Amino acid sequence: MTPVVVLDACVLYPAAQRDLFVWLAVGGAIRAHWTNRIHDEWMRNVARDYGVARSELEKVAQLMK
């Protein structure tokens, strides 16, 4: 039985950690879940800390879905 894992904003940011968990989900090791509120939080923090445009972060969120 594949475990269901809620990926909170602290897991989705930093990017390397997000990539690891998404990779695990794509590979079938976990079933990843998050909410729109979680997406908003990590995107807001990346935009603040690194100046990445929200539109670019939205593309990442869409790929994750």
PDB file of N, CA and C in Angstrom:
ATOM      1  N   MET A   1       0.852  -1.186   0.000  1.00  0.00           N
ATOM      2  CA  MET A   1       0.000   0.000   0.000  1.00  0.00           C
ATOM      3  C   MET A   1       0.891   1.241   0.000  1.00  0.00           C
ATOM      4  N   THR A   2       0.672   2.111  -0.965  1.00  0.00           N
ATOM      5  CA  THR A   2       1.472   3.322  -1.102  1.00  0.00           C
ATOM      6  C   THR A   2       1.028   4.368  -0.078  1.00  0.00           C
ATOM      7  N   PRO A   3       1.978   4.905   0.711  1.00  0.00           N
ATOM      8  CA  PRO A   3       1.583   5.893   1.714  1.00  0.00           C
ATOM      9  C   PRO A   3       1.183   7.223   1.078  1.00  0.00           C
ATOM     10  N   VAL A   4       0.167   7.842   1.667  1.00  0.00           N
ATOM     11  CA  VAL A   4      -0.269   9.179   1.263  1.00  0.00           C
ATOM     12  C   VAL A   4       0.521  10.173   2.100  1.00  0.00           C
ATOM     13  N   VAL A   5       1.150  11.140   1.432  1.00  0.00           N
ATOM     14  CA  VAL A   5       1.995  12.115   2.106  1.00  0.00           C
ATOM     15  C   VAL A   5       1.514  13.517   1.739  1.00  0.00           C
ATOM     16  N   VAL A   6       1.198  14.313   2.749  1.00  0.00           N
ATOM     17  CA  VAL A   6       0.849  15.716   2.517  1.00  0.00           C
ATOM     18  C   VAL A   6       2.148  16.504   2.512  1.00  0.00           C
ATOM     19  N   LEU A   7       2.422  17.146   1.387  1.00  0.00           N
ATOM     20  CA  LEU A   7       3.635  17.932   1.243  1.00  0.00           C
ATOM     21  C   LEU A   7       3.321  19.382   1.586  1.00  0.00           C
ATOM     22  N   ASP A   8       3.735  19.789   2.767  1.00  0.00           N
ATOM     23  CA  ASP A   8       3.499  21.150   3.246  1.00  0.00           C
ATOM     24  C   ASP A   8       4.496  22.104   2.577  1.00  0.00           C
ATOM     25  N   ALA A   9       4.280  23.394   2.757  1.00  0.00           N
ATOM     26  CA  ALA A   9       5.128  24.404   2.139  1.00  0.00           C
ATOM     27  C   ALA A   9       6.589  24.255   2.555  1.00  0.00           C
ATOM     28  N   CYS A  10       6.835  23.806   3.784  1.00  0.00           N
ATOM     29  CA  CYS A  10       8.213  23.644   4.242  1.00  0.00           C
ATOM     30  C   CYS A  10       8.899  22.468   3.555  1.00  0.00           C
ATOM     31  N   VAL A  11       8.140  21.605   2.907  1.00  0.00           N
ATOM     32  CA  VAL A  11       8.703  20.501   2.129  1.00  0.00           C
ATOM     33  C   VAL A  11       8.852  20.931   0.664  1.00  0.00           C
ATOM     34  N   LEU A  12       7.931  21.750   0.171  1.00  0.00           N
ATOM     35  CA  LEU A  12       7.959  22.173  -1.229  1.00  0.00           C
ATOM     36  C   LEU A  12       8.957  23.293  -1.496  1.00  0.00           C
ATOM     37  N   TYR A  13       9.438  23.907  -0.459  1.00  0.00           N
ATOM     38  CA  TYR A  13      10.464  24.942  -0.573  1.00  0.00           C
ATOM     39  C   TYR A  13      11.468  24.683   0.518  1.00  0.00           C
ATOM     40  N   PRO A  14      12.644  24.194   0.184  1.00  0.00           N
ATOM     41  CA  PRO A  14      13.491  24.455  -0.982  1.00  0.00           C
ATOM     42  C   PRO A  14      13.232  23.521  -2.176  1.00  0.00           C
ATOM     43  N   ALA A  15      13.689  23.986  -3.328  1.00  0.00           N
ATOM     44  CA  ALA A  15      13.400  23.300  -4.586  1.00  0.00           C
ATOM     45  C   ALA A  15      13.961  21.881  -4.630  1.00  0.00           C
ATOM     46  N   ALA A  16      15.154  21.664  -4.116  1.00  0.00           N
ATOM     47  CA  ALA A  16      15.753  20.328  -4.172  1.00  0.00           C
ATOM     48  C   ALA A  16      14.900  19.316  -3.407  1.00  0.00           C
ATOM     49  N   GLN A  17      14.385  19.736  -2.289  1.00  0.00           N
ATOM     50  CA  GLN A  17      13.523  18.850  -1.495  1.00  0.00           C
ATOM     51  C   GLN A  17      12.204  18.595  -2.216  1.00  0.00           C
ATOM     52  N   ARG A  18      11.628  19.649  -2.815  1.00  0.00           N
ATOM     53  CA  ARG A  18      10.391  19.501  -3.597  1.00  0.00           C
ATOM     54  C   ARG A  18      10.620  18.513  -4.735  1.00  0.00           C
ATOM     55  N   ASP A  19      11.742  18.662  -5.442  1.00  0.00           N
ATOM     56  CA  ASP A  19      12.041  17.762  -6.554  1.00  0.00           C
ATOM     57  C   ASP A  19      12.139  16.310  -6.088  1.00  0.00           C
ATOM     58  N   LEU A  20      12.759  16.090  -4.951  1.00  0.00           N
ATOM     59  CA  LEU A  20      12.884  14.738  -4.415  1.00  0.00           C
ATOM     60  C   LEU A  20      11.513  14.122  -4.164  1.00  0.00           C
ATOM     61  N   PHE A  21      10.640  14.849  -3.484  1.00  0.00           N
ATOM     62  CA  PHE A  21       9.329  14.297  -3.148  1.00  0.00           C
ATOM     63  C   PHE A  21       8.443  14.129  -4.383  1.00  0.00           C
ATOM     64  N   VAL A  22       8.543  15.027  -5.334  1.00  0.00           N
ATOM     65  CA  VAL A  22       7.777  14.869  -6.571  1.00  0.00           C
ATOM     66  C   VAL A  22       8.307  13.655  -7.339  1.00  0.00           C
ATOM     67  N   TRP A  23       9.628  13.488  -7.352  1.00  0.00           N
ATOM     68  CA  TRP A  23      10.232  12.328  -7.988  1.00  0.00           C
ATOM     69  C   TRP A  23       9.737  11.032  -7.333  1.00  0.00           C
ATOM     70  N   LEU A  24       9.672  11.017  -5.998  1.00  0.00           N
ATOM     71  CA  LEU A  24       9.156   9.843  -5.288  1.00  0.00           C
ATOM     72  C   LEU A  24       7.701   9.559  -5.669  1.00  0.00           C
ATOM     73  N   ALA A  25       6.922  10.623  -5.828  1.00  0.00           N
ATOM     74  CA  ALA A  25       5.513  10.458  -6.199  1.00  0.00           C
ATOM     75  C   ALA A  25       5.375   9.937  -7.628  1.00  0.00           C
ATOM     76  N   VAL A  26       6.139  10.487  -8.533  1.00  0.00           N
ATOM     77  CA  VAL A  26       6.083  10.042  -9.922  1.00  0.00           C
ATOM     78  C   VAL A  26       6.515   8.582 -10.021  1.00  0.00           C
ATOM     79  N   GLY A  27       7.479   8.202  -9.202  1.00  0.00           N
ATOM     80  CA  GLY A  27       7.960   6.828  -9.195  1.00  0.00           C
ATOM     81  C   GLY A  27       7.054   5.853  -8.473  1.00  0.00           C
ATOM     82  N   GLY A  28       6.018   6.360  -7.812  1.00  0.00           N
ATOM     83  CA  GLY A  28       5.055   5.497  -7.156  1.00  0.00           C
ATOM     84  C   GLY A  28       5.394   5.115  -5.727  1.00  0.00           C
ATOM     85  N   ALA A  29       6.449   5.707  -5.165  1.00  0.00           N
ATOM     86  CA  ALA A  29       6.833   5.385  -3.782  1.00  0.00           C
ATOM     87  C   ALA A  29       5.885   6.017  -2.768  1.00  0.00           C
ATOM     88  N   ILE A  30       5.317   7.171  -3.130  1.00  0.00           N
ATOM     89  CA  ILE A  30       4.353   7.867  -2.267  1.00  0.00           C
ATOM     90  C   ILE A  30       3.227   8.405  -3.132  1.00  0.00           C
ATOM     91  N   ARG A  31       2.121   8.747  -2.489  1.00  0.00           N
ATOM     92  CA  ARG A  31       1.037   9.487  -3.143  1.00  0.00           C
ATOM     93  C   ARG A  31       1.051  10.875  -2.533  1.00  0.00           C
ATOM     94  N   ALA A  32       1.523  11.848  -3.296  1.00  0.00           N
ATOM     95  CA  ALA A  32       1.702  13.213  -2.798  1.00  0.00           C
ATOM     96  C   ALA A  32       0.402  14.009  -2.894  1.00  0.00           C
ATOM     97  N   HIS A  33       0.131  14.762  -1.839  1.00  0.00           N
ATOM     98  CA  HIS A  33      -1.039  15.645  -1.808  1.00  0.00           C
ATOM     99  C   HIS A  33      -0.634  16.982  -1.214  1.00  0.00           C
ATOM    100  N   TRP A  34      -1.338  18.033  -1.627  1.00  0.00           N
ATOM    101  CA  TRP A  34      -1.173  19.386  -1.115  1.00  0.00           C
ATOM    102  C   TRP A  34      -2.434  20.150  -1.435  1.00  0.00           C
ATOM    103  N   THR A  35      -2.535  21.332  -0.888  1.00  0.00           N
ATOM    104  CA  THR A  35      -3.698  22.189  -1.133  1.00  0.00           C
ATOM    105  C   THR A  35      -3.257  23.427  -1.908  1.00  0.00           C
ATOM    106  N   ASN A  36      -4.217  24.164  -2.418  1.00  0.00           N
ATOM    107  CA  ASN A  36      -3.893  25.434  -3.070  1.00  0.00           C
ATOM    108  C   ASN A  36      -3.265  26.402  -2.072  1.00  0.00           C
ATOM    109  N   ARG A  37      -3.691  26.347  -0.843  1.00  0.00           N
ATOM    110  CA  ARG A  37      -3.121  27.212   0.201  1.00  0.00           C
ATOM    111  C   ARG A  37      -1.638  26.888   0.422  1.00  0.00           C
ATOM    112  N   ILE A  38      -1.295  25.603   0.396  1.00  0.00           N
ATOM    113  CA  ILE A  38       0.108  25.199   0.522  1.00  0.00           C
ATOM    114  C   ILE A  38       0.909  25.723  -0.664  1.00  0.00           C
ATOM    115  N   HIS A  39       0.367  25.566  -1.877  1.00  0.00           N
ATOM    116  CA  HIS A  39       1.043  26.113  -3.065  1.00  0.00           C
ATOM    117  C   HIS A  39       1.254  27.611  -2.918  1.00  0.00           C
ATOM    118  N   ASP A  40       0.239  28.327  -2.505  1.00  0.00           N
ATOM    119  CA  ASP A  40       0.361  29.779  -2.351  1.00  0.00           C
ATOM    120  C   ASP A  40       1.480  30.140  -1.380  1.00  0.00           C
ATOM    121  N   GLU A  41       1.584  29.382  -0.292  1.00  0.00           N
ATOM    122  CA  GLU A  41       2.599  29.707   0.722  1.00  0.00           C
ATOM    123  C   GLU A  41       4.019  29.520   0.192  1.00  0.00           C
ATOM    124  N   TRP A  42       4.308  28.385  -0.433  1.00  0.00           N
ATOM    125  CA  TRP A  42       5.684  28.192  -0.896  1.00  0.00           C
ATOM    126  C   TRP A  42       6.019  29.143  -2.036  1.00  0.00           C
ATOM    127  N   MET A  43       5.046  29.427  -2.917  1.00  0.00           N
ATOM    128  CA  MET A  43       5.311  30.345  -4.022  1.00  0.00           C
ATOM    129  C   MET A  43       5.543  31.771  -3.517  1.00  0.00           C
ATOM    130  N   ARG A  44       4.770  32.181  -2.541  1.00  0.00           N
ATOM    131  CA  ARG A  44       4.943  33.510  -1.958  1.00  0.00           C
ATOM    132  C   ARG A  44       6.340  33.652  -1.345  1.00  0.00           C
ATOM    133  N   ASN A  45       6.791  32.618  -0.654  1.00  0.00           N
ATOM    134  CA  ASN A  45       8.106  32.666  -0.012  1.00  0.00           C
ATOM    135  C   ASN A  45       9.246  32.653  -1.024  1.00  0.00           C
ATOM    136  N   VAL A  46       9.133  31.868  -2.077  1.00  0.00           N
ATOM    137  CA  VAL A  46      10.168  31.863  -3.110  1.00  0.00           C
ATOM    138  C   VAL A  46      10.217  33.224  -3.797  1.00  0.00           C
ATOM    139  N   ALA A  47       9.057  33.777  -4.117  1.00  0.00           N
ATOM    140  CA  ALA A  47       9.005  35.095  -4.761  1.00  0.00           C
ATOM    141  C   ALA A  47       9.650  36.155  -3.874  1.00  0.00           C
ATOM    142  N   ARG A  48       9.381  36.092  -2.582  1.00  0.00           N
ATOM    143  CA  ARG A  48       9.952  37.057  -1.636  1.00  0.00           C
ATOM    144  C   ARG A  48      11.460  36.874  -1.500  1.00  0.00           C
ATOM    145  N   ASP A  49      11.903  35.650  -1.349  1.00  0.00           N
ATOM    146  CA  ASP A  49      13.317  35.391  -1.063  1.00  0.00           C
ATOM    147  C   ASP A  49      14.221  35.501  -2.281  1.00  0.00           C
ATOM    148  N   TYR A  50      13.692  35.172  -3.466  1.00  0.00           N
ATOM    149  CA  TYR A  50      14.533  35.123  -4.661  1.00  0.00           C
ATOM    150  C   TYR A  50      14.072  36.029  -5.796  1.00  0.00           C
ATOM    151  N   GLY A  51      12.942  36.678  -5.625  1.00  0.00           N
ATOM    152  CA  GLY A  51      12.464  37.586  -6.660  1.00  0.00           C
ATOM    153  C   GLY A  51      11.976  36.882  -7.920  1.00  0.00           C
ATOM    154  N   VAL A  52      11.600  35.629  -7.801  1.00  0.00           N
ATOM    155  CA  VAL A  52      11.082  34.889  -8.951  1.00  0.00           C
ATOM    156  C   VAL A  52       9.651  35.354  -9.214  1.00  0.00           C
ATOM    157  N   ALA A  53       9.340  35.580 -10.472  1.00  0.00           N
ATOM    158  CA  ALA A  53       8.002  36.045 -10.837  1.00  0.00           C
ATOM    159  C   ALA A  53       6.958  34.989 -10.488  1.00  0.00           C
ATOM    160  N   ARG A  54       5.845  35.448  -9.992  1.00  0.00           N
ATOM    161  CA  ARG A  54       4.746  34.545  -9.623  1.00  0.00           C
ATOM    162  C   ARG A  54       4.308  33.696 -10.816  1.00  0.00           C
ATOM    163  N   SER A  55       4.315  34.279 -12.001  1.00  0.00           N
ATOM    164  CA  SER A  55       3.902  33.533 -13.193  1.00  0.00           C
ATOM    165  C   SER A  55       4.812  32.329 -13.441  1.00  0.00           C
ATOM    166  N   GLU A  56       6.085  32.456 -13.160  1.00  0.00           N
ATOM    167  CA  GLU A  56       7.008  31.333 -13.312  1.00  0.00           C
ATOM    168  C   GLU A  56       6.734  30.254 -12.271  1.00  0.00           C
ATOM    169  N   LEU A  57       6.420  30.663 -11.062  1.00  0.00           N
ATOM    170  CA  LEU A  57       6.119  29.721 -10.001  1.00  0.00           C
ATOM    171  C   LEU A  57       4.801  29.000 -10.276  1.00  0.00           C
ATOM    172  N   GLU A  58       3.861  29.699 -10.882  1.00  0.00           N
ATOM    173  CA  GLU A  58       2.595  29.076 -11.249  1.00  0.00           C
ATOM    174  C   GLU A  58       2.806  27.948 -12.257  1.00  0.00           C
ATOM    175  N   LYS A  59       3.779  28.116 -13.149  1.00  0.00           N
ATOM    176  CA  LYS A  59       4.108  27.061 -14.113  1.00  0.00           C
ATOM    177  C   LYS A  59       4.593  25.811 -13.392  1.00  0.00           C
ATOM    178  N   VAL A  60       5.427  25.997 -12.368  1.00  0.00           N
ATOM    179  CA  VAL A  60       5.911  24.861 -11.582  1.00  0.00           C
ATOM    180  C   VAL A  60       4.739  24.167 -10.900  1.00  0.00           C
ATOM    181  N   ALA A  61       3.848  24.951 -10.299  1.00  0.00           N
ATOM    182  CA  ALA A  61       2.683  24.380  -9.610  1.00  0.00           C
ATOM    183  C   ALA A  61       1.811  23.591 -10.582  1.00  0.00           C
ATOM    184  N   GLN A  62       1.641  24.110 -11.799  1.00  0.00           N
ATOM    185  CA  GLN A  62       0.830  23.398 -12.795  1.00  0.00           C
ATOM    186  C   GLN A  62       1.479  22.066 -13.185  1.00  0.00           C
ATOM    187  N   LEU A  63       2.787  22.060 -13.331  1.00  0.00           N
ATOM    188  CA  LEU A  63       3.480  20.816 -13.666  1.00  0.00           C
ATOM    189  C   LEU A  63       3.319  19.789 -12.533  1.00  0.00           C
ATOM    190  N   MET A  64       3.304  20.264 -11.324  1.00  0.00           N
ATOM    191  CA  MET A  64       3.143  19.367 -10.172  1.00  0.00           C
ATOM    192  C   MET A  64       1.759  18.729 -10.152  1.00  0.00           C
ATOM    193  N   LYS A  65       0.770  19.464 -10.611  1.00  0.00           N
ATOM    194  CA  LYS A  65      -0.599  18.931 -10.611  1.00  0.00           C
ATOM    195  C   LYS A  65      -0.729  17.876 -11.678  1.00  0.00           C
TER     196      LYS A  65
END
